[in-house]
Amino acid sequence: MDYYEEGDAIHGSRIYVETRKVEGHRVIVKTGRHKAQSLRLIDNAKAVIVKKLKYAG
């Protein structure tokens, strides 16, 4: 298992996560009509990229 520094980010088309607690779930505006969700994973969180982005930009 790889560990990263605080503040590092991962990007992917599909990301699998496991956590004990979820906090701060909300809908955020991205571009125009497109919306996304924002949340914090707390207490022993793990994330794995299942499908990488087609176009990185």
Protein backbone atom coordinates (compact mmCIF):
# COMPACT_ATOMS: atom_id res chain seq x y z
CA MET A 1 0.00 0.00 0.00
CA ASP A 2 1.36 3.43 -0.96
CA TYR A 3 0.95 6.40 1.36
CA TYR A 4 1.05 9.99 0.23
CA GLU A 5 1.52 13.36 1.84
CA GLU A 6 -1.34 15.45 3.23
CA GLY A 7 -2.97 17.55 0.50
CA ASP A 8 -2.13 15.19 -2.40
CA ALA A 9 -4.94 14.58 -4.91
CA ILE A 10 -5.94 11.70 -7.19
CA HIS A 11 -7.93 12.03 -10.42
CA GLY A 12 -9.81 9.29 -12.22
CA SER A 13 -12.94 8.48 -14.16
CA ARG A 14 -14.03 5.97 -11.49
CA ILE A 15 -12.64 5.89 -7.95
CA TYR A 16 -13.49 3.26 -5.31
CA VAL A 17 -13.39 4.41 -1.68
CA GLU A 18 -13.70 2.78 1.74
CA THR A 19 -14.10 4.73 4.96
CA ARG A 20 -15.64 4.54 8.40
CA LYS A 21 -17.27 8.00 8.34
CA VAL A 22 -18.46 10.46 5.68
CA GLU A 23 -18.84 14.16 6.46
CA GLY A 24 -19.80 17.34 4.59
CA HIS A 25 -21.74 15.82 1.67
CA ARG A 26 -22.92 18.62 -0.65
CA VAL A 27 -23.58 19.41 -4.32
CA ILE A 28 -21.16 21.87 -5.96
CA VAL A 29 -21.31 23.68 -9.31
CA LYS A 30 -18.63 22.74 -11.85
CA THR A 31 -19.31 24.26 -15.31
CA GLY A 32 -22.64 25.62 -16.54
CA ARG A 33 -25.34 23.04 -15.85
CA HIS A 34 -22.88 20.40 -14.69
CA LYS A 35 -22.78 19.65 -11.00
CA ALA A 36 -20.60 17.43 -8.83
CA GLN A 37 -20.58 16.18 -5.25
CA SER A 38 -18.10 17.04 -2.53
CA LEU A 39 -17.50 15.11 0.69
CA ARG A 40 -14.82 14.25 3.23
CA LEU A 41 -13.80 10.70 4.08
CA ILE A 42 -12.84 10.36 7.74
CA ASP A 43 -11.18 7.70 9.88
CA ASN A 44 -9.14 5.07 8.04
CA ALA A 45 -10.07 6.16 4.49
CA LYS A 46 -8.74 4.42 1.38
CA ALA A 47 -9.21 5.31 -2.30
CA VAL A 48 -8.30 3.33 -5.43
CA ILE A 49 -8.53 4.51 -9.05
CA VAL A 50 -10.62 1.87 -10.88
CA LYS A 51 -10.69 3.59 -14.28
CA LYS A 52 -8.22 6.30 -15.29
CA LEU A 53 -9.20 9.49 -17.10
CA LYS A 54 -9.39 9.32 -20.87
CA TYR A 55 -8.18 12.89 -21.35
CA ALA A 56 -6.06 14.59 -18.71
CA GLY A 57 -6.22 18.34 -18.92
